[in-house]
Amino acid sequence: MKFQTSKGDFVLQVTKDWAPHGVDRFFDLVQTDFFNGARFFRVTARIVQFGINGDPKISALWRESRILDDPVKQSNTKGRIAFAALQDPNSRTVQVFINSVDNKMLDKSRFSPFGEVVSGMEVVSSIYSGYGDSPPRGNGPVQDMIQLQGNAYLEKSFPRLDYIKKASIE
């Protein structure tokens, strides 16, 4: 899958054997243009996170659409992508993160990688990280505000965030 971003392009290869529920959801999101226009809203030294649609109405449609957990078959090493989750089982919805470093400690917390960056990891590494994590650990956007106000909130309060121009299946 190709992601054209404000920083350049990167390509993800997803592997259904690694996490079938995650791969199916990711395909659905890419096929429905869900990621187009989405901001990379949480960028730390360890991860690059995205997956809240810029339109609050679209976000609301997906917010409670949870998917079953996949067993962790691969490790969260640099370049691998996984769905973010709450502490509750089967709480994954639409947010994903790319590991910027080896995060093997996440393997014990149900974060099941479903793919990896096969081209353009330098683009992922260059995504704007100046706001850091979400409060209280950083000065980044509040996820609830993104859900409620979408890109209008991000463009006003966090104008330097990089974003996805277009995600497509190759």
N, C-alpha and C. Protein backbone atom coordinates (compact mmCIF):
# COMPACT_ATOMS: atom_id res chain seq x y z
N MET A 1 0.84 -1.17 0.00
CA MET A 1 0.00 0.00 0.00
C MET A 1 0.89 1.24 0.00
N LYS A 2 0.51 2.18 -0.82
CA LYS A 2 1.31 3.39 -0.96
C LYS A 2 0.65 4.54 -0.20
N PHE A 3 1.46 5.25 0.56
CA PHE A 3 1.00 6.44 1.28
C PHE A 3 1.76 7.64 0.75
N GLN A 4 1.02 8.54 0.12
CA GLN A 4 1.59 9.80 -0.34
C GLN A 4 1.34 10.81 0.78
N THR A 5 2.40 11.40 1.30
CA THR A 5 2.28 12.30 2.44
C THR A 5 2.87 13.67 2.13
N SER A 6 2.69 14.58 3.06
CA SER A 6 3.26 15.92 2.92
C SER A 6 4.78 15.89 3.01
N LYS A 7 5.37 14.78 3.40
CA LYS A 7 6.83 14.62 3.49
C LYS A 7 7.41 13.76 2.38
N GLY A 8 6.56 13.13 1.59
CA GLY A 8 7.01 12.18 0.57
C GLY A 8 6.22 10.90 0.71
N ASP A 9 6.66 9.88 -0.02
CA ASP A 9 5.91 8.63 -0.06
C ASP A 9 6.60 7.53 0.73
N PHE A 10 5.75 6.63 1.27
CA PHE A 10 6.27 5.39 1.83
C PHE A 10 5.32 4.26 1.43
N VAL A 11 5.84 3.05 1.43
CA VAL A 11 5.08 1.88 1.02
C VAL A 11 5.06 0.88 2.16
N LEU A 12 3.85 0.39 2.44
CA LEU A 12 3.66 -0.65 3.45
C LEU A 12 3.33 -1.96 2.76
N GLN A 13 3.89 -3.04 3.28
CA GLN A 13 3.47 -4.38 2.86
C GLN A 13 2.76 -5.00 4.05
N VAL A 14 1.51 -5.41 3.85
CA VAL A 14 0.76 -6.04 4.92
C VAL A 14 0.73 -7.54 4.68
N THR A 15 0.66 -8.30 5.78
CA THR A 15 0.73 -9.76 5.71
C THR A 15 -0.41 -10.35 6.52
N LYS A 16 -1.39 -10.90 5.84
CA LYS A 16 -2.60 -11.39 6.50
C LYS A 16 -2.29 -12.46 7.55
N ASP A 17 -1.30 -13.29 7.31
CA ASP A 17 -0.94 -14.33 8.29
C ASP A 17 -0.50 -13.75 9.62
N TRP A 18 0.03 -12.55 9.61
CA TRP A 18 0.49 -11.94 10.86
C TRP A 18 -0.68 -11.53 11.74
N ALA A 19 -1.71 -10.94 11.14
CA ALA A 19 -2.83 -10.39 11.92
C ALA A 19 -4.04 -10.22 10.99
N PRO A 20 -4.80 -11.29 10.76
CA PRO A 20 -5.87 -11.23 9.77
C PRO A 20 -6.94 -10.18 10.04
N HIS A 21 -7.35 -10.00 11.29
CA HIS A 21 -8.38 -8.99 11.59
C HIS A 21 -7.83 -7.58 11.31
N GLY A 22 -6.59 -7.36 11.69
CA GLY A 22 -5.96 -6.06 11.46
C GLY A 22 -5.81 -5.76 9.98
N VAL A 23 -5.38 -6.74 9.20
CA VAL A 23 -5.21 -6.53 7.76
C VAL A 23 -6.54 -6.24 7.10
N ASP A 24 -7.58 -7.00 7.47
CA ASP A 24 -8.89 -6.75 6.86
C ASP A 24 -9.38 -5.34 7.15
N ARG A 25 -9.25 -4.89 8.40
CA ARG A 25 -9.69 -3.53 8.75
C ARG A 25 -8.87 -2.49 7.99
N PHE A 26 -7.55 -2.69 7.93
CA PHE A 26 -6.68 -1.72 7.25
C PHE A 26 -7.06 -1.61 5.77
N PHE A 27 -7.31 -2.74 5.11
CA PHE A 27 -7.76 -2.71 3.71
C PHE A 27 -9.06 -1.92 3.59
N ASP A 28 -10.01 -2.17 4.49
CA ASP A 28 -11.28 -1.43 4.45
C ASP A 28 -11.04 0.07 4.56
N LEU A 29 -10.17 0.46 5.47
CA LEU A 29 -9.90 1.89 5.67
C LEU A 29 -9.24 2.52 4.45
N VAL A 30 -8.28 1.83 3.86
CA VAL A 30 -7.61 2.37 2.67
C VAL A 30 -8.59 2.43 1.50
N GLN A 31 -9.38 1.37 1.31
CA GLN A 31 -10.32 1.32 0.18
C GLN A 31 -11.41 2.40 0.27
N THR A 32 -11.75 2.83 1.47
CA THR A 32 -12.79 3.85 1.63
C THR A 32 -12.20 5.26 1.77
N ASP A 33 -10.89 5.41 1.50
CA ASP A 33 -10.20 6.70 1.57
C ASP A 33 -10.21 7.31 2.98
N PHE A 34 -10.36 6.47 3.99
CA PHE A 34 -10.44 6.95 5.37
C PHE A 34 -9.20 7.76 5.78
N PHE A 35 -8.03 7.32 5.34
CA PHE A 35 -6.79 7.98 5.76
C PHE A 35 -6.47 9.25 5.00
N ASN A 36 -7.10 9.46 3.86
CA ASN A 36 -6.79 10.64 3.05
C ASN A 36 -7.08 11.92 3.84
N GLY A 37 -6.07 12.76 3.98
CA GLY A 37 -6.19 14.00 4.73
C GLY A 37 -5.91 13.86 6.22
N ALA A 38 -5.76 12.63 6.70
CA ALA A 38 -5.50 12.42 8.13
C ALA A 38 -4.11 12.89 8.52
N ARG A 39 -4.01 13.45 9.71
CA ARG A 39 -2.74 13.96 10.24
C ARG A 39 -2.01 12.89 11.02
N PHE A 40 -0.69 13.00 11.03
CA PHE A 40 0.15 12.20 11.93
C PHE A 40 0.15 12.97 13.24
N PHE A 41 -0.76 12.63 14.14
CA PHE A 41 -1.05 13.47 15.30
C PHE A 41 -0.24 13.14 16.54
N ARG A 42 0.40 12.00 16.57
CA ARG A 42 1.19 11.62 17.75
C ARG A 42 2.52 11.07 17.25
N VAL A 43 3.56 11.88 17.35
CA VAL A 43 4.87 11.49 16.85
C VAL A 43 5.87 11.66 17.97
N THR A 44 6.40 10.53 18.43
CA THR A 44 7.36 10.52 19.53
C THR A 44 8.66 9.89 19.02
N ALA A 45 9.59 9.72 19.90
CA ALA A 45 10.85 9.06 19.53
C ALA A 45 10.63 7.58 19.21
N ARG A 46 9.49 7.03 19.63
CA ARG A 46 9.25 5.60 19.49
C ARG A 46 8.21 5.23 18.43
N ILE A 47 7.23 6.13 18.18
CA ILE A 47 6.15 5.79 17.24
C ILE A 47 5.70 6.99 16.43
N VAL A 48 5.06 6.69 15.29
CA VAL A 48 4.37 7.68 14.46
C VAL A 48 2.93 7.18 14.34
N GLN A 49 1.99 7.92 14.94
CA GLN A 49 0.60 7.46 15.02
C GLN A 49 -0.33 8.31 14.17
N PHE A 50 -1.29 7.62 13.53
CA PHE A 50 -2.32 8.29 12.72
C PHE A 50 -3.56 7.41 12.71
N GLY A 51 -4.64 7.94 12.12
CA GLY A 51 -5.83 7.11 11.98
C GLY A 51 -7.09 7.73 12.55
N ILE A 52 -7.10 9.04 12.75
CA ILE A 52 -8.35 9.73 13.06
C ILE A 52 -8.69 10.55 11.84
N ASN A 53 -9.85 10.30 11.27
CA ASN A 53 -10.24 10.99 10.06
C ASN A 53 -10.42 12.48 10.33
N GLY A 54 -10.11 13.31 9.35
CA GLY A 54 -10.21 14.76 9.49
C GLY A 54 -11.62 15.30 9.56
N ASP A 55 -12.61 14.47 9.22
CA ASP A 55 -14.01 14.86 9.27
C ASP A 55 -14.66 14.20 10.49
N PRO A 56 -15.10 14.98 11.47
CA PRO A 56 -15.68 14.40 12.69
C PRO A 56 -16.86 13.46 12.42
N LYS A 57 -17.63 13.71 11.37
CA LYS A 57 -18.77 12.83 11.06
C LYS A 57 -18.29 11.45 10.64
N ILE A 58 -17.22 11.40 9.87
CA ILE A 58 -16.66 10.10 9.46
C ILE A 58 -16.02 9.40 10.65
N SER A 59 -15.29 10.15 11.47
CA SER A 59 -14.70 9.57 12.68
C SER A 59 -15.77 8.94 13.55
N ALA A 60 -16.90 9.61 13.70
CA ALA A 60 -17.98 9.10 14.55
C ALA A 60 -18.52 7.77 14.03
N LEU A 61 -18.55 7.59 12.72
CA LEU A 61 -19.04 6.34 12.14
C LEU A 61 -18.17 5.14 12.52
N TRP A 62 -16.88 5.38 12.68
CA TRP A 62 -15.92 4.29 12.93
C TRP A 62 -15.54 4.15 14.40
N ARG A 63 -15.83 5.15 15.22
CA ARG A 63 -15.31 5.21 16.59
C ARG A 63 -15.57 3.95 17.41
N GLU A 64 -16.74 3.37 17.29
CA GLU A 64 -17.08 2.20 18.09
C GLU A 64 -17.00 0.89 17.30
N SER A 65 -16.48 0.96 16.10
CA SER A 65 -16.38 -0.24 15.26
C SER A 65 -15.10 -1.00 15.60
N ARG A 66 -15.19 -1.76 16.64
CA ARG A 66 -14.01 -2.47 17.15
C ARG A 66 -13.75 -3.76 16.37
N ILE A 67 -12.49 -4.15 16.36
CA ILE A 67 -12.12 -5.42 15.74
C ILE A 67 -11.52 -6.32 16.81
N LEU A 68 -11.63 -7.62 16.56
CA LEU A 68 -11.08 -8.59 17.49
C LEU A 68 -9.56 -8.49 17.53
N ASP A 69 -9.01 -8.78 18.69
CA ASP A 69 -7.55 -8.82 18.81
C ASP A 69 -7.00 -9.96 17.96
N ASP A 70 -5.84 -9.74 17.40
CA ASP A 70 -5.09 -10.79 16.73
C ASP A 70 -3.97 -11.23 17.67
N PRO A 71 -3.62 -12.51 17.68
CA PRO A 71 -2.47 -12.91 18.48
C PRO A 71 -1.21 -12.23 17.94
N VAL A 72 -0.28 -11.91 18.82
CA VAL A 72 0.97 -11.28 18.39
C VAL A 72 1.89 -12.36 17.84
N LYS A 73 2.07 -12.35 16.52
CA LYS A 73 2.91 -13.34 15.85
C LYS A 73 4.25 -12.76 15.41
N GLN A 74 4.32 -11.43 15.32
CA GLN A 74 5.54 -10.74 14.91
C GLN A 74 5.88 -9.70 15.97
N SER A 75 7.12 -9.31 16.01
CA SER A 75 7.55 -8.33 17.01
C SER A 75 7.40 -6.90 16.49
N ASN A 76 7.21 -5.98 17.40
CA ASN A 76 7.10 -4.55 17.08
C ASN A 76 8.50 -3.97 16.89
N THR A 77 9.10 -4.32 15.78
CA THR A 77 10.43 -3.81 15.47
C THR A 77 10.29 -2.58 14.57
N LYS A 78 11.39 -1.87 14.40
CA LYS A 78 11.39 -0.64 13.61
C LYS A 78 10.77 -0.89 12.24
N GLY A 79 9.83 0.00 11.87
CA GLY A 79 9.19 -0.06 10.56
C GLY A 79 7.91 -0.86 10.52
N ARG A 80 7.61 -1.61 11.56
CA ARG A 80 6.38 -2.40 11.58
C ARG A 80 5.20 -1.54 12.02
N ILE A 81 4.01 -1.87 11.51
CA ILE A 81 2.80 -1.12 11.80
C ILE A 81 1.82 -2.02 12.56
N ALA A 82 1.15 -1.42 13.55
CA ALA A 82 0.17 -2.14 14.36
C ALA A 82 -0.97 -1.20 14.70
N PHE A 83 -2.11 -1.78 15.07
CA PHE A 83 -3.23 -0.97 15.53
C PHE A 83 -3.01 -0.57 16.98
N ALA A 84 -3.35 0.66 17.28
CA ALA A 84 -3.36 1.12 18.67
C ALA A 84 -4.58 0.49 19.34
N ALA A 85 -4.51 0.34 20.64
CA ALA A 85 -5.61 -0.28 21.39
C ALA A 85 -5.68 0.32 22.78
N LEU A 86 -6.86 0.24 23.35
CA LEU A 86 -7.03 0.61 24.75
C LEU A 86 -6.61 -0.59 25.60
N GLN A 87 -6.72 -0.47 26.90
CA GLN A 87 -6.33 -1.58 27.76
C GLN A 87 -7.32 -2.74 27.67
N ASP A 88 -8.56 -2.45 27.24
CA ASP A 88 -9.58 -3.49 27.14
C ASP A 88 -9.27 -4.43 25.97
N PRO A 89 -9.61 -5.70 26.13
CA PRO A 89 -9.49 -6.62 24.99
C PRO A 89 -10.40 -6.17 23.84
N ASN A 90 -10.00 -6.49 22.63
CA ASN A 90 -10.79 -6.21 21.42
C ASN A 90 -11.21 -4.74 21.32
N SER A 91 -10.28 -3.83 21.60
CA SER A 91 -10.58 -2.40 21.60
C SER A 91 -9.98 -1.65 20.41
N ARG A 92 -9.42 -2.36 19.45
CA ARG A 92 -8.83 -1.70 18.28
C ARG A 92 -9.93 -1.18 17.36
N THR A 93 -9.70 -0.01 16.78
CA THR A 93 -10.69 0.55 15.85
C THR A 93 -10.00 1.01 14.56
N VAL A 94 -9.47 2.24 14.54
CA VAL A 94 -8.92 2.81 13.30
C VAL A 94 -7.53 3.41 13.45
N GLN A 95 -7.06 3.60 14.67
CA GLN A 95 -5.76 4.23 14.85
C GLN A 95 -4.65 3.20 14.74
N VAL A 96 -3.60 3.59 14.04
CA VAL A 96 -2.44 2.72 13.85
C VAL A 96 -1.17 3.50 14.18
N PHE A 97 -0.09 2.76 14.37
CA PHE A 97 1.20 3.41 14.58
C PHE A 97 2.28 2.61 13.89
N ILE A 98 3.29 3.35 13.42
CA ILE A 98 4.50 2.75 12.86
C ILE A 98 5.57 2.87 13.92
N ASN A 99 6.24 1.78 14.19
CA ASN A 99 7.34 1.79 15.16
C ASN A 99 8.55 2.49 14.55
N SER A 100 9.02 3.53 15.23
CA SER A 100 10.20 4.27 14.78
C SER A 100 11.49 3.61 15.24
N VAL A 101 11.36 2.78 16.26
CA VAL A 101 12.48 2.03 16.84
C VAL A 101 11.94 0.64 17.18
N ASP A 102 12.83 -0.24 17.64
CA ASP A 102 12.37 -1.53 18.13
C ASP A 102 11.60 -1.32 19.44
N ASN A 103 10.36 -1.76 19.45
CA ASN A 103 9.47 -1.62 20.61
C ASN A 103 8.98 -3.00 21.06
N LYS A 104 9.91 -3.91 21.26
CA LYS A 104 9.53 -5.28 21.58
C LYS A 104 8.72 -5.39 22.86
N MET A 105 8.81 -4.41 23.75
CA MET A 105 8.03 -4.45 24.98
C MET A 105 6.53 -4.36 24.68
N LEU A 106 6.15 -3.85 23.50
CA LEU A 106 4.74 -3.77 23.13
C LEU A 106 4.15 -5.13 22.75
N ASP A 107 5.01 -6.10 22.48
CA ASP A 107 4.53 -7.42 22.07
C ASP A 107 3.68 -8.07 23.16
N LYS A 108 3.93 -7.76 24.40
CA LYS A 108 3.19 -8.36 25.52
C LYS A 108 1.87 -7.64 25.78
N SER A 109 1.60 -6.55 25.06
CA SER A 109 0.42 -5.73 25.31
C SER A 109 -0.60 -5.79 24.17
N ARG A 110 -0.65 -6.89 23.43
CA ARG A 110 -1.64 -7.12 22.37
C ARG A 110 -1.46 -6.22 21.15
N PHE A 111 -0.33 -5.56 20.98
CA PHE A 111 -0.10 -4.76 19.78
C PHE A 111 0.48 -5.67 18.71
N SER A 112 -0.38 -6.14 17.84
CA SER A 112 -0.02 -7.15 16.85
C SER A 112 0.34 -6.51 15.51
N PRO A 113 1.63 -6.49 15.14
CA PRO A 113 1.99 -5.94 13.84
C PRO A 113 1.29 -6.70 12.71
N PHE A 114 0.85 -5.94 11.70
CA PHE A 114 0.19 -6.56 10.55
C PHE A 114 0.90 -6.23 9.25
N GLY A 115 2.00 -5.49 9.33
CA GLY A 115 2.73 -5.13 8.13
C GLY A 115 3.98 -4.35 8.49
N GLU A 116 4.69 -3.92 7.43
CA GLU A 116 5.91 -3.15 7.67
C GLU A 116 6.20 -2.23 6.49
N VAL A 117 6.95 -1.20 6.79
CA VAL A 117 7.39 -0.26 5.77
C VAL A 117 8.48 -0.96 4.96
N VAL A 118 8.27 -1.06 3.65
CA VAL A 118 9.26 -1.71 2.79
C VAL A 118 10.00 -0.70 1.92
N SER A 119 9.50 0.53 1.91
CA SER A 119 10.15 1.60 1.15
C SER A 119 9.73 2.93 1.78
N GLY A 120 10.70 3.81 1.99
CA GLY A 120 10.38 5.15 2.49
C GLY A 120 10.42 5.31 4.00
N MET A 121 11.14 4.45 4.69
CA MET A 121 11.22 4.62 6.15
C MET A 121 11.87 5.96 6.50
N GLU A 122 12.70 6.47 5.61
CA GLU A 122 13.29 7.79 5.85
C GLU A 122 12.22 8.88 5.84
N VAL A 123 11.16 8.68 5.05
CA VAL A 123 10.03 9.62 5.04
C VAL A 123 9.30 9.55 6.38
N VAL A 124 9.02 8.34 6.84
CA VAL A 124 8.36 8.17 8.13
C VAL A 124 9.18 8.83 9.23
N SER A 125 10.49 8.64 9.19
CA SER A 125 11.37 9.21 10.22
C SER A 125 11.42 10.74 10.18
N SER A 126 11.05 11.33 9.03
CA SER A 126 11.12 12.78 8.90
C SER A 126 9.79 13.49 9.22
N ILE A 127 8.76 12.73 9.55
CA ILE A 127 7.45 13.32 9.86
C ILE A 127 7.60 14.21 11.08
N TYR A 128 6.94 15.36 11.04
CA TYR A 128 7.10 16.38 12.08
C TYR A 128 6.78 15.82 13.47
N SER A 129 7.75 16.00 14.37
CA SER A 129 7.62 15.47 15.74
C SER A 129 7.69 16.56 16.81
N GLY A 130 7.65 17.82 16.40
CA GLY A 130 7.85 18.92 17.34
C GLY A 130 6.82 19.04 18.44
N TYR A 131 5.61 18.54 18.22
CA TYR A 131 4.59 18.63 19.27
C TYR A 131 4.69 17.47 20.26
N GLY A 132 5.28 16.38 19.81
CA GLY A 132 5.48 15.23 20.70
C GLY A 132 4.19 14.48 21.00
N ASP A 133 4.20 13.86 22.16
CA ASP A 133 3.10 13.02 22.61
C ASP A 133 1.88 13.86 22.97
N SER A 134 0.75 13.21 23.15
CA SER A 134 -0.46 13.87 23.64
C SER A 134 -0.29 14.22 25.10
N PRO A 135 -1.01 15.22 25.60
CA PRO A 135 -0.95 15.54 27.02
C PRO A 135 -1.37 14.33 27.86
N PRO A 136 -0.81 14.14 29.02
CA PRO A 136 0.08 15.04 29.76
C PRO A 136 1.57 14.82 29.48
N ARG A 137 1.90 13.85 28.60
CA ARG A 137 3.31 13.53 28.34
C ARG A 137 3.96 14.44 27.32
N GLY A 138 3.16 15.23 26.61
CA GLY A 138 3.71 16.11 25.60
C GLY A 138 2.76 17.25 25.29
N ASN A 139 3.08 17.99 24.24
CA ASN A 139 2.28 19.16 23.85
C ASN A 139 1.47 18.91 22.59
N GLY A 140 1.29 17.65 22.24
CA GLY A 140 0.56 17.30 21.02
C GLY A 140 -0.95 17.44 21.17
N PRO A 141 -1.66 17.15 20.10
CA PRO A 141 -3.11 17.27 20.10
C PRO A 141 -3.79 16.32 21.09
N VAL A 142 -4.96 16.74 21.54
CA VAL A 142 -5.80 15.91 22.40
C VAL A 142 -6.69 15.09 21.47
N GLN A 143 -6.63 13.78 21.60
CA GLN A 143 -7.35 12.92 20.66
C GLN A 143 -8.86 13.14 20.68
N ASP A 144 -9.42 13.40 21.84
CA ASP A 144 -10.86 13.67 21.90
C ASP A 144 -11.23 14.91 21.08
N MET A 145 -10.36 15.90 21.09
CA MET A 145 -10.62 17.11 20.30
C MET A 145 -10.53 16.83 18.80
N ILE A 146 -9.60 15.95 18.42
CA ILE A 146 -9.51 15.58 17.00
C ILE A 146 -10.81 14.89 16.59
N GLN A 147 -11.29 13.98 17.44
CA GLN A 147 -12.53 13.26 17.14
C GLN A 147 -13.70 14.24 16.97
N LEU A 148 -13.77 15.25 17.81
CA LEU A 148 -14.90 16.18 17.82
C LEU A 148 -14.81 17.27 16.75
N GLN A 149 -13.57 17.76 16.49
CA GLN A 149 -13.42 18.91 15.58
C GLN A 149 -12.64 18.60 14.31
N GLY A 150 -11.99 17.45 14.27
CA GLY A 150 -11.28 17.03 13.07
C GLY A 150 -10.10 17.92 12.71
N ASN A 151 -9.87 18.02 11.41
CA ASN A 151 -8.72 18.77 10.92
C ASN A 151 -8.82 20.26 11.21
N ALA A 152 -10.03 20.79 11.42
CA ALA A 152 -10.16 22.21 11.75
C ALA A 152 -9.39 22.52 13.03
N TYR A 153 -9.52 21.66 14.03
CA TYR A 153 -8.78 21.80 15.29
C TYR A 153 -7.27 21.68 15.05
N LEU A 154 -6.88 20.69 14.27
CA LEU A 154 -5.46 20.46 14.04
C LEU A 154 -4.82 21.58 13.23
N GLU A 155 -5.50 22.05 12.21
CA GLU A 155 -4.94 23.11 11.37
C GLU A 155 -4.79 24.42 12.15
N LYS A 156 -5.71 24.68 13.07
CA LYS A 156 -5.65 25.90 13.86
C LYS A 156 -4.59 25.82 14.96
N SER A 157 -4.58 24.72 15.69
CA SER A 157 -3.74 24.62 16.88
C SER A 157 -2.42 23.89 16.65
N PHE A 158 -2.33 23.08 15.60
CA PHE A 158 -1.12 22.28 15.33
C PHE A 158 -0.80 22.32 13.84
N PRO A 159 -0.52 23.51 13.32
CA PRO A 159 -0.40 23.68 11.87
C PRO A 159 0.79 22.97 11.23
N ARG A 160 1.76 22.54 12.02
CA ARG A 160 2.95 21.93 11.43
C ARG A 160 2.83 20.41 11.25
N LEU A 161 1.73 19.83 11.68
CA LEU A 161 1.56 18.39 11.53
C LEU A 161 1.62 17.98 10.07
N ASP A 162 2.34 16.91 9.80
CA ASP A 162 2.33 16.33 8.46
C ASP A 162 1.07 15.49 8.31
N TYR A 163 0.74 15.17 7.05
CA TYR A 163 -0.52 14.48 6.79
C TYR A 163 -0.42 13.57 5.59
N ILE A 164 -1.42 12.72 5.47
CA ILE A 164 -1.53 11.78 4.36
C ILE A 164 -2.34 12.46 3.25
N LYS A 165 -1.73 12.58 2.09
CA LYS A 165 -2.44 13.11 0.93
C LYS A 165 -3.37 12.05 0.35
N LYS A 166 -2.81 10.85 0.18
CA LYS A 166 -3.58 9.75 -0.40
C LYS A 166 -2.96 8.42 -0.01
N ALA A 167 -3.83 7.49 0.40
CA ALA A 167 -3.42 6.11 0.65
C ALA A 167 -4.08 5.24 -0.42
N SER A 168 -3.32 4.34 -1.00
CA SER A 168 -3.87 3.51 -2.07
C SER A 168 -3.28 2.11 -2.02
N ILE A 169 -4.04 1.19 -2.59
CA ILE A 169 -3.58 -0.21 -2.68
C ILE A 169 -2.87 -0.37 -4.00
N GLU A 170 -1.67 -0.91 -3.94
CA GLU A 170 -0.89 -1.11 -5.17
C GLU A 170 -0.90 -2.57 -5.56
